[in-house]
Amino acid sequence: MDPARVLVVPIGSVEQHGPHLPLNTDTVIAEALAAALCDDVDGFVLGPTVGIGASGEHAGFPGTLSIGTEVLSNILVELVYSARGSCAAVYVVNGHGGNAAAIHRAAATLEASGDRFGVGRVVDDGDAHAGHAETSLILHLAPHLVGNERPVGRTEPLATLLPELQRHGMAAVSPSGVLGDATTASAADGLRRFEAMRGRLATAAQTWREEWR
């Protein structure tokens, strides 16, 4: 085992992102940030992507696939166990909020077993789902994947919508599958957002590593 090597694993989802963004939007963003992290921090090496996550709240839309919280948690635990022989730690870059419960559960199991497991979240200050922020990011990262129809969905803060979303699912909250306003998105703003997230992620990952080195 290399005592300095940290395996970086992007975690995404396969779920609807309105009529204009690809099903793997969260994965595209997580993979780009994970690759940037490995460029920015010595000793961090890019591993394979976990591309299907826990997306049950999007089940009302065609194309959405989900493996659920329990299965995703077990996958992460087994992945970390299998990396013991080659890496000192595993750091996941999570691109989908619905994966948080699975990651938290895996972290508790891995802490009890003495494994080093860090979590970096894709954090942005924009709207919640397939709106201005995510559309801008994909216009920057993969513009060929963005469709021409860019709707305005529910624009209330996520905290306001979350109880309804958790009870009834995204389709009941927003028939378009969009939370926010995709009409104002731009590649330039996507670049700005990506670079800001990249900096925050690198800082957080370095701080986490210094805690156990």
N, C-alpha and C. Protein backbone atom coordinates (compact mmCIF):
# COMPACT_ATOMS: atom_id res chain seq x y z
N MET A 1 0.83 -1.20 0.00
CA MET A 1 0.00 0.00 0.00
C MET A 1 0.86 1.26 0.00
N ASP A 2 0.53 2.19 -0.83
CA ASP A 2 1.22 3.47 -0.86
C ASP A 2 0.62 4.36 0.24
N PRO A 3 1.40 4.76 1.26
CA PRO A 3 0.85 5.53 2.37
C PRO A 3 0.42 6.94 1.99
N ALA A 4 0.74 7.37 0.77
CA ALA A 4 0.38 8.72 0.35
C ALA A 4 -0.75 8.74 -0.68
N ARG A 5 -1.13 7.58 -1.19
CA ARG A 5 -2.10 7.54 -2.29
C ARG A 5 -3.53 7.58 -1.78
N VAL A 6 -4.33 8.47 -2.37
CA VAL A 6 -5.76 8.56 -2.07
C VAL A 6 -6.53 8.28 -3.36
N LEU A 7 -7.39 7.29 -3.33
CA LEU A 7 -8.22 6.96 -4.48
C LEU A 7 -9.44 7.87 -4.50
N VAL A 8 -9.65 8.55 -5.62
CA VAL A 8 -10.78 9.47 -5.76
C VAL A 8 -11.85 8.80 -6.62
N VAL A 9 -13.07 8.71 -6.09
CA VAL A 9 -14.16 8.02 -6.77
C VAL A 9 -15.34 8.98 -6.98
N PRO A 10 -15.64 9.33 -8.23
CA PRO A 10 -16.83 10.14 -8.49
C PRO A 10 -18.10 9.30 -8.31
N ILE A 11 -19.13 9.92 -7.75
CA ILE A 11 -20.42 9.25 -7.59
C ILE A 11 -21.49 10.14 -8.23
N GLY A 12 -22.27 9.57 -9.12
CA GLY A 12 -23.29 10.36 -9.80
C GLY A 12 -24.66 9.74 -9.71
N SER A 13 -25.41 9.87 -10.79
CA SER A 13 -26.76 9.33 -10.83
C SER A 13 -27.19 9.18 -12.29
N VAL A 14 -28.25 8.43 -12.48
CA VAL A 14 -28.94 8.35 -13.77
C VAL A 14 -30.38 8.75 -13.50
N GLU A 15 -30.69 10.00 -13.77
CA GLU A 15 -32.04 10.51 -13.44
C GLU A 15 -32.38 11.68 -14.35
N GLN A 16 -33.66 11.91 -14.51
CA GLN A 16 -34.11 13.01 -15.35
C GLN A 16 -33.56 14.34 -14.87
N HIS A 17 -33.24 15.18 -15.83
CA HIS A 17 -32.84 16.57 -15.55
C HIS A 17 -33.56 17.48 -16.54
N GLY A 18 -34.90 17.44 -16.46
CA GLY A 18 -35.70 18.23 -17.36
C GLY A 18 -35.61 17.70 -18.78
N PRO A 19 -36.20 18.42 -19.74
CA PRO A 19 -36.18 17.96 -21.13
C PRO A 19 -34.90 18.31 -21.87
N HIS A 20 -33.96 18.99 -21.22
CA HIS A 20 -32.83 19.56 -21.94
C HIS A 20 -31.46 19.06 -21.50
N LEU A 21 -31.37 18.40 -20.35
CA LEU A 21 -30.08 17.92 -19.85
C LEU A 21 -30.04 16.39 -19.84
N PRO A 22 -28.84 15.81 -19.95
CA PRO A 22 -28.73 14.35 -20.02
C PRO A 22 -29.02 13.68 -18.68
N LEU A 23 -29.36 12.41 -18.75
CA LEU A 23 -29.65 11.63 -17.54
C LEU A 23 -28.44 11.55 -16.61
N ASN A 24 -27.25 11.64 -17.16
CA ASN A 24 -26.03 11.52 -16.34
C ASN A 24 -25.44 12.88 -15.98
N THR A 25 -26.26 13.91 -15.89
CA THR A 25 -25.78 15.25 -15.56
C THR A 25 -24.94 15.26 -14.30
N ASP A 26 -25.44 14.65 -13.22
CA ASP A 26 -24.70 14.64 -11.96
C ASP A 26 -23.36 13.93 -12.10
N THR A 27 -23.35 12.88 -12.91
CA THR A 27 -22.12 12.12 -13.12
C THR A 27 -21.10 12.93 -13.89
N VAL A 28 -21.54 13.62 -14.93
CA VAL A 28 -20.63 14.46 -15.72
C VAL A 28 -19.94 15.49 -14.82
N ILE A 29 -20.70 16.12 -13.96
CA ILE A 29 -20.13 17.15 -13.09
C ILE A 29 -19.19 16.52 -12.06
N ALA A 30 -19.62 15.42 -11.45
CA ALA A 30 -18.78 14.77 -10.44
C ALA A 30 -17.47 14.27 -11.05
N GLU A 31 -17.52 13.71 -12.24
CA GLU A 31 -16.31 13.21 -12.89
C GLU A 31 -15.35 14.35 -13.22
N ALA A 32 -15.88 15.47 -13.70
CA ALA A 32 -15.02 16.60 -14.03
C ALA A 32 -14.35 17.16 -12.79
N LEU A 33 -15.09 17.27 -11.70
CA LEU A 33 -14.51 17.79 -10.46
C LEU A 33 -13.51 16.80 -9.87
N ALA A 34 -13.80 15.51 -9.95
CA ALA A 34 -12.87 14.51 -9.43
C ALA A 34 -11.56 14.53 -10.21
N ALA A 35 -11.64 14.66 -11.54
CA ALA A 35 -10.43 14.73 -12.36
C ALA A 35 -9.63 15.99 -12.04
N ALA A 36 -10.33 17.10 -11.84
CA ALA A 36 -9.64 18.35 -11.47
C ALA A 36 -8.96 18.22 -10.12
N LEU A 37 -9.63 17.55 -9.18
CA LEU A 37 -9.04 17.36 -7.86
C LEU A 37 -7.73 16.59 -7.95
N CYS A 38 -7.70 15.57 -8.80
CA CYS A 38 -6.48 14.78 -8.95
C CYS A 38 -5.37 15.59 -9.62
N ASP A 39 -5.73 16.55 -10.44
CA ASP A 39 -4.73 17.45 -11.02
C ASP A 39 -4.22 18.46 -9.98
N ASP A 40 -5.09 18.83 -9.06
CA ASP A 40 -4.77 19.91 -8.13
C ASP A 40 -4.04 19.45 -6.87
N VAL A 41 -4.21 18.21 -6.47
CA VAL A 41 -3.67 17.74 -5.19
C VAL A 41 -2.78 16.53 -5.43
N ASP A 42 -1.51 16.61 -5.06
CA ASP A 42 -0.57 15.50 -5.20
C ASP A 42 -1.03 14.28 -4.41
N GLY A 43 -0.88 13.12 -5.01
CA GLY A 43 -1.21 11.88 -4.32
C GLY A 43 -2.64 11.44 -4.48
N PHE A 44 -3.50 12.27 -5.06
CA PHE A 44 -4.88 11.88 -5.32
C PHE A 44 -4.93 11.30 -6.74
N VAL A 45 -5.46 10.08 -6.86
CA VAL A 45 -5.51 9.40 -8.15
C VAL A 45 -6.96 9.04 -8.48
N LEU A 46 -7.31 9.19 -9.75
CA LEU A 46 -8.69 9.02 -10.17
C LEU A 46 -9.04 7.55 -10.32
N GLY A 47 -10.14 7.17 -9.71
CA GLY A 47 -10.64 5.81 -9.81
C GLY A 47 -11.90 5.75 -10.67
N PRO A 48 -12.51 4.58 -10.76
CA PRO A 48 -13.71 4.41 -11.58
C PRO A 48 -14.92 5.10 -10.95
N THR A 49 -15.87 5.44 -11.80
CA THR A 49 -17.08 6.13 -11.36
C THR A 49 -18.15 5.15 -10.91
N VAL A 50 -18.84 5.51 -9.84
CA VAL A 50 -20.09 4.83 -9.47
C VAL A 50 -21.20 5.68 -10.10
N GLY A 51 -21.71 5.23 -11.23
CA GLY A 51 -22.55 6.09 -12.06
C GLY A 51 -24.04 6.02 -11.80
N ILE A 52 -24.50 5.03 -11.04
CA ILE A 52 -25.92 4.93 -10.69
C ILE A 52 -26.03 5.05 -9.19
N GLY A 53 -26.85 5.96 -8.73
CA GLY A 53 -26.98 6.21 -7.30
C GLY A 53 -28.38 5.96 -6.78
N ALA A 54 -28.74 6.69 -5.74
CA ALA A 54 -30.06 6.58 -5.10
C ALA A 54 -30.92 7.74 -5.59
N SER A 55 -31.81 7.45 -6.51
CA SER A 55 -32.62 8.50 -7.17
C SER A 55 -34.10 8.18 -7.14
N GLY A 56 -34.56 7.57 -6.07
CA GLY A 56 -35.95 7.17 -5.98
C GLY A 56 -36.94 8.31 -6.13
N GLU A 57 -36.53 9.52 -5.71
CA GLU A 57 -37.44 10.67 -5.78
C GLU A 57 -37.73 11.10 -7.22
N HIS A 58 -36.95 10.59 -8.18
CA HIS A 58 -37.15 10.93 -9.58
C HIS A 58 -37.82 9.81 -10.36
N ALA A 59 -38.38 8.84 -9.66
CA ALA A 59 -38.88 7.63 -10.32
C ALA A 59 -40.06 7.91 -11.25
N GLY A 60 -40.71 9.03 -11.13
CA GLY A 60 -41.85 9.33 -11.98
C GLY A 60 -41.49 9.71 -13.40
N PHE A 61 -40.20 9.79 -13.71
CA PHE A 61 -39.75 10.20 -15.04
C PHE A 61 -39.06 9.06 -15.76
N PRO A 62 -39.36 8.86 -17.06
CA PRO A 62 -38.68 7.81 -17.83
C PRO A 62 -37.18 8.03 -17.87
N GLY A 63 -36.45 6.93 -17.84
CA GLY A 63 -34.99 6.99 -17.94
C GLY A 63 -34.28 6.96 -16.62
N THR A 64 -34.96 7.34 -15.56
CA THR A 64 -34.33 7.34 -14.24
C THR A 64 -34.07 5.91 -13.77
N LEU A 65 -32.85 5.68 -13.28
CA LEU A 65 -32.47 4.39 -12.71
C LEU A 65 -31.92 4.62 -11.32
N SER A 66 -32.22 3.72 -10.40
CA SER A 66 -31.77 3.88 -9.02
C SER A 66 -31.45 2.54 -8.41
N ILE A 67 -30.35 2.49 -7.64
CA ILE A 67 -30.03 1.26 -6.92
C ILE A 67 -30.36 1.38 -5.44
N GLY A 68 -30.79 2.55 -4.98
CA GLY A 68 -31.26 2.71 -3.61
C GLY A 68 -30.14 2.94 -2.61
N THR A 69 -30.54 3.41 -1.45
CA THR A 69 -29.58 3.79 -0.40
C THR A 69 -28.79 2.60 0.13
N GLU A 70 -29.46 1.51 0.43
CA GLU A 70 -28.76 0.37 1.03
C GLU A 70 -27.73 -0.23 0.08
N VAL A 71 -28.11 -0.43 -1.17
CA VAL A 71 -27.18 -1.02 -2.13
C VAL A 71 -26.00 -0.10 -2.38
N LEU A 72 -26.27 1.20 -2.55
CA LEU A 72 -25.17 2.14 -2.78
C LEU A 72 -24.22 2.17 -1.60
N SER A 73 -24.76 2.15 -0.40
CA SER A 73 -23.92 2.13 0.80
C SER A 73 -23.03 0.89 0.81
N ASN A 74 -23.60 -0.25 0.51
CA ASN A 74 -22.82 -1.49 0.51
C ASN A 74 -21.74 -1.47 -0.57
N ILE A 75 -22.05 -0.91 -1.72
CA ILE A 75 -21.05 -0.80 -2.78
C ILE A 75 -19.86 0.02 -2.32
N LEU A 76 -20.13 1.15 -1.68
CA LEU A 76 -19.05 2.02 -1.22
C LEU A 76 -18.19 1.34 -0.16
N VAL A 77 -18.83 0.63 0.75
CA VAL A 77 -18.07 -0.08 1.79
C VAL A 77 -17.16 -1.12 1.16
N GLU A 78 -17.70 -1.92 0.27
CA GLU A 78 -16.90 -2.97 -0.36
C GLU A 78 -15.79 -2.37 -1.22
N LEU A 79 -16.07 -1.25 -1.88
CA LEU A 79 -15.05 -0.59 -2.69
C LEU A 79 -13.87 -0.16 -1.82
N VAL A 80 -14.17 0.43 -0.68
CA VAL A 80 -13.09 0.87 0.22
C VAL A 80 -12.32 -0.33 0.75
N TYR A 81 -13.02 -1.38 1.14
CA TYR A 81 -12.32 -2.58 1.61
C TYR A 81 -11.37 -3.10 0.55
N SER A 82 -11.82 -3.11 -0.71
CA SER A 82 -10.99 -3.69 -1.77
C SER A 82 -9.80 -2.82 -2.12
N ALA A 83 -9.85 -1.53 -1.77
CA ALA A 83 -8.75 -0.61 -2.08
C ALA A 83 -7.68 -0.60 -1.00
N ARG A 84 -7.88 -1.34 0.08
CA ARG A 84 -6.94 -1.31 1.21
C ARG A 84 -5.51 -1.66 0.79
N GLY A 85 -5.37 -2.56 -0.15
CA GLY A 85 -4.04 -3.03 -0.49
C GLY A 85 -3.23 -2.06 -1.32
N SER A 86 -3.88 -1.05 -1.90
CA SER A 86 -3.17 -0.15 -2.80
C SER A 86 -3.25 1.31 -2.43
N CYS A 87 -4.18 1.68 -1.56
CA CYS A 87 -4.39 3.09 -1.23
C CYS A 87 -4.53 3.29 0.27
N ALA A 88 -4.10 4.46 0.71
CA ALA A 88 -4.22 4.78 2.13
C ALA A 88 -5.62 5.21 2.50
N ALA A 89 -6.38 5.68 1.52
CA ALA A 89 -7.71 6.22 1.81
C ALA A 89 -8.51 6.30 0.51
N VAL A 90 -9.80 6.48 0.66
CA VAL A 90 -10.70 6.71 -0.48
C VAL A 90 -11.45 8.00 -0.23
N TYR A 91 -11.52 8.82 -1.28
CA TYR A 91 -12.23 10.10 -1.19
C TYR A 91 -13.26 10.13 -2.31
N VAL A 92 -14.54 10.23 -1.94
CA VAL A 92 -15.59 10.25 -2.96
C VAL A 92 -16.00 11.69 -3.25
N VAL A 93 -16.31 11.93 -4.52
CA VAL A 93 -16.83 13.22 -4.95
C VAL A 93 -18.28 12.98 -5.37
N ASN A 94 -19.21 13.43 -4.56
CA ASN A 94 -20.63 13.12 -4.77
C ASN A 94 -21.33 14.22 -5.54
N GLY A 95 -21.93 13.84 -6.67
CA GLY A 95 -22.61 14.80 -7.51
C GLY A 95 -24.11 14.84 -7.36
N HIS A 96 -24.68 13.99 -6.49
CA HIS A 96 -26.14 13.90 -6.37
C HIS A 96 -26.56 13.91 -4.90
N GLY A 97 -27.40 14.87 -4.54
CA GLY A 97 -27.82 14.99 -3.15
C GLY A 97 -28.53 13.77 -2.60
N GLY A 98 -29.24 13.04 -3.47
CA GLY A 98 -29.96 11.86 -3.01
C GLY A 98 -29.05 10.73 -2.56
N ASN A 99 -27.75 10.82 -2.86
CA ASN A 99 -26.79 9.81 -2.42
C ASN A 99 -26.30 10.04 -0.99
N ALA A 100 -26.66 11.17 -0.41
CA ALA A 100 -26.06 11.56 0.87
C ALA A 100 -26.32 10.54 1.98
N ALA A 101 -27.53 10.00 2.05
CA ALA A 101 -27.84 9.04 3.12
C ALA A 101 -26.99 7.79 2.99
N ALA A 102 -26.80 7.31 1.77
CA ALA A 102 -25.97 6.12 1.54
C ALA A 102 -24.52 6.39 1.92
N ILE A 103 -24.02 7.55 1.55
CA ILE A 103 -22.63 7.90 1.87
C ILE A 103 -22.45 8.03 3.38
N HIS A 104 -23.41 8.63 4.04
CA HIS A 104 -23.34 8.77 5.50
C HIS A 104 -23.33 7.39 6.17
N ARG A 105 -24.17 6.49 5.68
CA ARG A 105 -24.21 5.14 6.24
C ARG A 105 -22.89 4.41 6.02
N ALA A 106 -22.35 4.53 4.81
CA ALA A 106 -21.06 3.90 4.51
C ALA A 106 -19.95 4.47 5.39
N ALA A 107 -19.97 5.79 5.58
CA ALA A 107 -18.94 6.44 6.40
C ALA A 107 -18.96 5.91 7.82
N ALA A 108 -20.14 5.70 8.37
CA ALA A 108 -20.23 5.18 9.74
C ALA A 108 -19.65 3.77 9.83
N THR A 109 -19.94 2.94 8.85
CA THR A 109 -19.40 1.58 8.84
C THR A 109 -17.87 1.60 8.70
N LEU A 110 -17.38 2.44 7.83
CA LEU A 110 -15.95 2.49 7.57
C LEU A 110 -15.18 3.12 8.72
N GLU A 111 -15.78 4.07 9.40
CA GLU A 111 -15.13 4.63 10.59
C GLU A 111 -14.97 3.56 11.65
N ALA A 112 -15.99 2.72 11.82
CA ALA A 112 -15.93 1.66 12.81
C ALA A 112 -14.86 0.62 12.47
N SER A 113 -14.60 0.44 11.17
CA SER A 113 -13.59 -0.54 10.77
C SER A 113 -12.20 0.05 10.64
N GLY A 114 -12.07 1.35 10.91
CA GLY A 114 -10.77 1.99 10.89
C GLY A 114 -10.28 2.41 9.51
N ASP A 115 -11.15 2.38 8.52
CA ASP A 115 -10.77 2.79 7.17
C ASP A 115 -10.91 4.31 7.03
N ARG A 116 -10.06 4.88 6.19
CA ARG A 116 -10.12 6.32 5.93
C ARG A 116 -11.00 6.57 4.71
N PHE A 117 -12.04 7.36 4.93
CA PHE A 117 -13.06 7.60 3.90
C PHE A 117 -13.48 9.06 3.96
N GLY A 118 -13.17 9.81 2.92
CA GLY A 118 -13.51 11.21 2.88
C GLY A 118 -14.60 11.49 1.85
N VAL A 119 -15.32 12.57 2.07
CA VAL A 119 -16.45 12.91 1.21
C VAL A 119 -16.34 14.35 0.76
N GLY A 120 -16.32 14.55 -0.54
CA GLY A 120 -16.40 15.89 -1.11
C GLY A 120 -17.72 16.03 -1.85
N ARG A 121 -18.46 17.06 -1.55
CA ARG A 121 -19.76 17.26 -2.18
C ARG A 121 -19.66 18.32 -3.28
N VAL A 122 -20.46 18.12 -4.31
CA VAL A 122 -20.59 19.12 -5.36
C VAL A 122 -21.54 20.19 -4.82
N VAL A 123 -20.97 21.29 -4.36
CA VAL A 123 -21.76 22.33 -3.70
C VAL A 123 -21.77 23.58 -4.57
N ASP A 124 -22.98 24.06 -4.87
CA ASP A 124 -23.13 25.27 -5.66
C ASP A 124 -24.23 26.11 -5.02
N ASP A 125 -24.16 27.41 -5.22
CA ASP A 125 -25.13 28.31 -4.59
C ASP A 125 -26.32 28.60 -5.50
N GLY A 126 -26.46 27.85 -6.58
CA GLY A 126 -27.53 28.12 -7.53
C GLY A 126 -28.80 27.35 -7.23
N ASP A 127 -29.72 27.31 -8.20
CA ASP A 127 -30.98 26.60 -8.03
C ASP A 127 -30.73 25.10 -7.95
N ALA A 128 -31.78 24.37 -7.61
CA ALA A 128 -31.58 23.02 -7.09
C ALA A 128 -31.39 21.93 -8.13
N HIS A 129 -32.14 21.97 -9.25
CA HIS A 129 -32.13 20.79 -10.12
C HIS A 129 -32.48 21.18 -11.55
N ALA A 130 -31.50 21.05 -12.45
CA ALA A 130 -31.71 21.24 -13.89
C ALA A 130 -32.09 22.68 -14.25
N GLY A 131 -31.82 23.60 -13.34
CA GLY A 131 -32.11 25.00 -13.60
C GLY A 131 -30.90 25.74 -14.13
N HIS A 132 -30.75 26.99 -13.71
CA HIS A 132 -29.66 27.83 -14.21
C HIS A 132 -28.29 27.21 -13.91
N ALA A 133 -28.08 26.76 -12.68
CA ALA A 133 -26.74 26.32 -12.26
C ALA A 133 -26.29 25.07 -13.01
N GLU A 134 -27.07 24.01 -12.98
CA GLU A 134 -26.65 22.77 -13.64
C GLU A 134 -26.61 22.93 -15.15
N THR A 135 -27.54 23.68 -15.71
CA THR A 135 -27.50 23.90 -17.15
C THR A 135 -26.25 24.67 -17.56
N SER A 136 -25.88 25.66 -16.77
CA SER A 136 -24.65 26.41 -17.05
C SER A 136 -23.43 25.50 -16.96
N LEU A 137 -23.39 24.64 -15.96
CA LEU A 137 -22.25 23.74 -15.80
C LEU A 137 -22.12 22.79 -16.99
N ILE A 138 -23.23 22.24 -17.46
CA ILE A 138 -23.15 21.32 -18.60
C ILE A 138 -22.86 22.08 -19.89
N LEU A 139 -23.34 23.32 -20.02
CA LEU A 139 -22.97 24.13 -21.17
C LEU A 139 -21.46 24.35 -21.21
N HIS A 140 -20.84 24.44 -20.03
CA HIS A 140 -19.37 24.57 -19.97
C HIS A 140 -18.67 23.24 -20.22
N LEU A 141 -19.13 22.17 -19.58
CA LEU A 141 -18.42 20.90 -19.60
C LEU A 141 -18.72 20.06 -20.84
N ALA A 142 -19.96 20.07 -21.30
CA ALA A 142 -20.38 19.20 -22.41
C ALA A 142 -21.54 19.85 -23.15
N PRO A 143 -21.29 20.96 -23.84
CA PRO A 143 -22.40 21.71 -24.45
C PRO A 143 -23.20 20.91 -25.47
N HIS A 144 -22.57 19.91 -26.09
CA HIS A 144 -23.28 19.10 -27.08
C HIS A 144 -24.39 18.25 -26.47
N LEU A 145 -24.40 18.15 -25.15
CA LEU A 145 -25.43 17.35 -24.47
C LEU A 145 -26.65 18.16 -24.06
N VAL A 146 -26.62 19.46 -24.29
CA VAL A 146 -27.70 20.33 -23.83
C VAL A 146 -28.70 20.58 -24.96
N GLY A 147 -29.98 20.30 -24.68
CA GLY A 147 -31.03 20.52 -25.67
C GLY A 147 -31.46 21.97 -25.74
N ASN A 148 -32.25 22.28 -26.74
CA ASN A 148 -32.68 23.67 -26.97
C ASN A 148 -33.81 24.10 -26.05
N GLU A 149 -34.65 23.16 -25.62
CA GLU A 149 -35.77 23.50 -24.76
C GLU A 149 -35.28 23.66 -23.32
N ARG A 150 -35.33 24.87 -22.80
CA ARG A 150 -34.83 25.14 -21.45
C ARG A 150 -35.94 25.79 -20.64
N PRO A 151 -36.65 25.01 -19.86
CA PRO A 151 -37.85 25.51 -19.18
C PRO A 151 -37.54 26.24 -17.88
N VAL A 152 -38.55 26.93 -17.41
CA VAL A 152 -38.56 27.49 -16.06
C VAL A 152 -39.41 26.56 -15.20
N GLY A 153 -38.82 26.02 -14.13
CA GLY A 153 -39.55 25.15 -13.23
C GLY A 153 -39.95 25.87 -11.95
N ARG A 154 -40.10 25.12 -10.90
CA ARG A 154 -40.40 25.73 -9.59
C ARG A 154 -39.18 26.52 -9.13
N THR A 155 -39.39 27.73 -8.70
CA THR A 155 -38.27 28.60 -8.36
C THR A 155 -38.18 28.91 -6.86
N GLU A 156 -39.02 28.28 -6.05
CA GLU A 156 -38.88 28.48 -4.61
C GLU A 156 -37.58 27.84 -4.11
N PRO A 157 -37.07 28.29 -2.97
CA PRO A 157 -35.86 27.67 -2.40
C PRO A 157 -36.08 26.18 -2.15
N LEU A 158 -35.00 25.40 -2.28
CA LEU A 158 -35.12 23.96 -2.08
C LEU A 158 -35.65 23.62 -0.70
N ALA A 159 -35.25 24.37 0.31
CA ALA A 159 -35.73 24.09 1.67
C ALA A 159 -37.25 24.17 1.75
N THR A 160 -37.85 25.03 0.96
CA THR A 160 -39.31 25.17 0.94
C THR A 160 -39.96 23.97 0.25
N LEU A 161 -39.34 23.49 -0.81
CA LEU A 161 -39.90 22.41 -1.61
C LEU A 161 -39.58 21.02 -1.07
N LEU A 162 -38.55 20.91 -0.24
CA LEU A 162 -38.03 19.59 0.14
C LEU A 162 -39.07 18.69 0.81
N PRO A 163 -39.88 19.18 1.76
CA PRO A 163 -40.87 18.27 2.37
C PRO A 163 -41.82 17.65 1.34
N GLU A 164 -42.31 18.47 0.42
CA GLU A 164 -43.20 17.96 -0.63
C GLU A 164 -42.45 17.00 -1.55
N LEU A 165 -41.22 17.33 -1.87
CA LEU A 165 -40.40 16.48 -2.74
C LEU A 165 -40.17 15.12 -2.11
N GLN A 166 -39.86 15.11 -0.84
CA GLN A 166 -39.59 13.85 -0.15
C GLN A 166 -40.85 12.99 0.00
N ARG A 167 -41.99 13.63 0.17
CA ARG A 167 -43.24 12.88 0.33
C ARG A 167 -43.77 12.36 -1.00
N HIS A 168 -43.70 13.17 -2.04
CA HIS A 168 -44.43 12.85 -3.27
C HIS A 168 -43.54 12.65 -4.49
N GLY A 169 -42.26 12.99 -4.40
CA GLY A 169 -41.37 12.83 -5.54
C GLY A 169 -41.34 14.05 -6.44
N MET A 170 -40.32 14.09 -7.30
CA MET A 170 -40.10 15.26 -8.15
C MET A 170 -41.25 15.49 -9.12
N ALA A 171 -41.82 14.44 -9.68
CA ALA A 171 -42.87 14.61 -10.69
C ALA A 171 -44.07 15.35 -10.13
N ALA A 172 -44.37 15.16 -8.85
CA ALA A 172 -45.50 15.85 -8.23
C ALA A 172 -45.17 17.31 -7.93
N VAL A 173 -43.91 17.60 -7.74
CA VAL A 173 -43.48 18.95 -7.40
C VAL A 173 -43.30 19.80 -8.65
N SER A 174 -42.67 19.22 -9.68
CA SER A 174 -42.37 19.95 -10.91
C SER A 174 -42.59 19.02 -12.10
N PRO A 175 -43.68 19.17 -12.83
CA PRO A 175 -43.93 18.29 -13.98
C PRO A 175 -42.82 18.30 -15.03
N SER A 176 -42.09 19.41 -15.13
CA SER A 176 -40.99 19.48 -16.09
C SER A 176 -39.73 18.81 -15.57
N GLY A 177 -39.69 18.51 -14.27
CA GLY A 177 -38.48 17.97 -13.67
C GLY A 177 -37.42 19.00 -13.40
N VAL A 178 -37.77 20.27 -13.44
CA VAL A 178 -36.81 21.36 -13.25
C VAL A 178 -37.17 22.14 -11.99
N LEU A 179 -36.16 22.41 -11.18
CA LEU A 179 -36.28 23.32 -10.05
C LEU A 179 -35.34 24.49 -10.31
N GLY A 180 -35.88 25.59 -10.78
CA GLY A 180 -35.07 26.73 -11.13
C GLY A 180 -35.40 27.23 -12.53
N ASP A 181 -34.56 28.08 -13.05
CA ASP A 181 -34.78 28.73 -14.35
C ASP A 181 -33.60 28.42 -15.27
N ALA A 182 -33.83 27.52 -16.23
CA ALA A 182 -32.76 27.13 -17.15
C ALA A 182 -32.57 28.13 -18.29
N THR A 183 -33.48 29.08 -18.44
CA THR A 183 -33.41 29.98 -19.59
C THR A 183 -32.26 30.98 -19.49
N THR A 184 -31.76 31.20 -18.28
CA THR A 184 -30.71 32.21 -18.08
C THR A 184 -29.30 31.61 -18.07
N ALA A 185 -29.19 30.32 -18.32
CA ALA A 185 -27.90 29.63 -18.21
C ALA A 185 -26.93 30.06 -19.31
N SER A 186 -25.63 29.96 -18.99
CA SER A 186 -24.60 30.27 -19.97
C SER A 186 -23.34 29.47 -19.67
N ALA A 187 -22.56 29.21 -20.71
CA ALA A 187 -21.29 28.50 -20.53
C ALA A 187 -20.32 29.31 -19.69
N ALA A 188 -20.34 30.62 -19.85
CA ALA A 188 -19.43 31.48 -19.09
C ALA A 188 -19.72 31.36 -17.60
N ASP A 189 -20.99 31.36 -17.25
CA ASP A 189 -21.33 31.20 -15.83
C ASP A 189 -21.00 29.79 -15.36
N GLY A 190 -21.13 28.81 -16.25
CA GLY A 190 -20.76 27.45 -15.89
C GLY A 190 -19.29 27.33 -15.56
N LEU A 191 -18.44 28.00 -16.33
CA LEU A 191 -17.00 28.01 -16.05
C LEU A 191 -16.73 28.66 -14.70
N ARG A 192 -17.38 29.77 -14.43
CA ARG A 192 -17.18 30.45 -13.14
C ARG A 192 -17.59 29.54 -11.99
N ARG A 193 -18.72 28.90 -12.13
CA ARG A 193 -19.20 28.01 -11.07
C ARG A 193 -18.27 26.82 -10.89
N PHE A 194 -17.83 26.25 -12.00
CA PHE A 194 -16.95 25.08 -11.92
C PHE A 194 -15.65 25.42 -11.21
N GLU A 195 -15.04 26.52 -11.58
CA GLU A 195 -13.77 26.89 -10.96
C GLU A 195 -13.93 27.18 -9.47
N ALA A 196 -15.06 27.77 -9.08
CA ALA A 196 -15.31 28.02 -7.66
C ALA A 196 -15.47 26.70 -6.90
N MET A 197 -16.22 25.77 -7.47
CA MET A 197 -16.40 24.46 -6.83
C MET A 197 -15.08 23.70 -6.79
N ARG A 198 -14.30 23.81 -7.85
CA ARG A 198 -13.00 23.14 -7.90
C ARG A 198 -12.10 23.61 -6.76
N GLY A 199 -12.05 24.91 -6.54
CA GLY A 199 -11.22 25.44 -5.46
C GLY A 199 -11.69 24.99 -4.09
N ARG A 200 -13.00 25.03 -3.88
CA ARG A 200 -13.53 24.60 -2.58
C ARG A 200 -13.25 23.12 -2.33
N LEU A 201 -13.39 22.31 -3.37
CA LEU A 201 -13.18 20.87 -3.23
C LEU A 201 -11.72 20.58 -2.90
N ALA A 202 -10.79 21.22 -3.58
CA ALA A 202 -9.37 20.98 -3.32
C ALA A 202 -9.01 21.38 -1.90
N THR A 203 -9.53 22.50 -1.44
CA THR A 203 -9.25 22.96 -0.07
C THR A 203 -9.79 21.98 0.94
N ALA A 204 -11.02 21.53 0.74
CA ALA A 204 -11.64 20.58 1.67
C ALA A 204 -10.90 19.25 1.70
N ALA A 205 -10.49 18.76 0.52
CA ALA A 205 -9.79 17.48 0.46
C ALA A 205 -8.43 17.55 1.13
N GLN A 206 -7.71 18.64 0.92
CA GLN A 206 -6.40 18.80 1.56
C GLN A 206 -6.54 18.90 3.07
N THR A 207 -7.54 19.62 3.54
CA THR A 207 -7.78 19.73 4.98
C THR A 207 -8.10 18.37 5.58
N TRP A 208 -8.94 17.59 4.89
CA TRP A 208 -9.28 16.24 5.37
C TRP A 208 -8.04 15.37 5.44
N ARG A 209 -7.17 15.42 4.43
CA ARG A 209 -5.98 14.57 4.45
C ARG A 209 -5.02 14.96 5.57
N GLU A 210 -4.89 16.24 5.83
CA GLU A 210 -3.97 16.68 6.89
C GLU A 210 -4.43 16.21 8.27
N GLU A 211 -5.71 15.91 8.40
CA GLU A 211 -6.23 15.45 9.70
C GLU A 211 -5.72 14.07 10.07
N TRP A 212 -5.35 13.26 9.09
CA TRP A 212 -4.90 11.90 9.43
C TRP A 212 -3.48 11.57 8.99
N ARG A 213 -2.84 12.43 8.23
CA ARG A 213 -1.46 12.14 7.81
C ARG A 213 -0.50 12.22 8.96
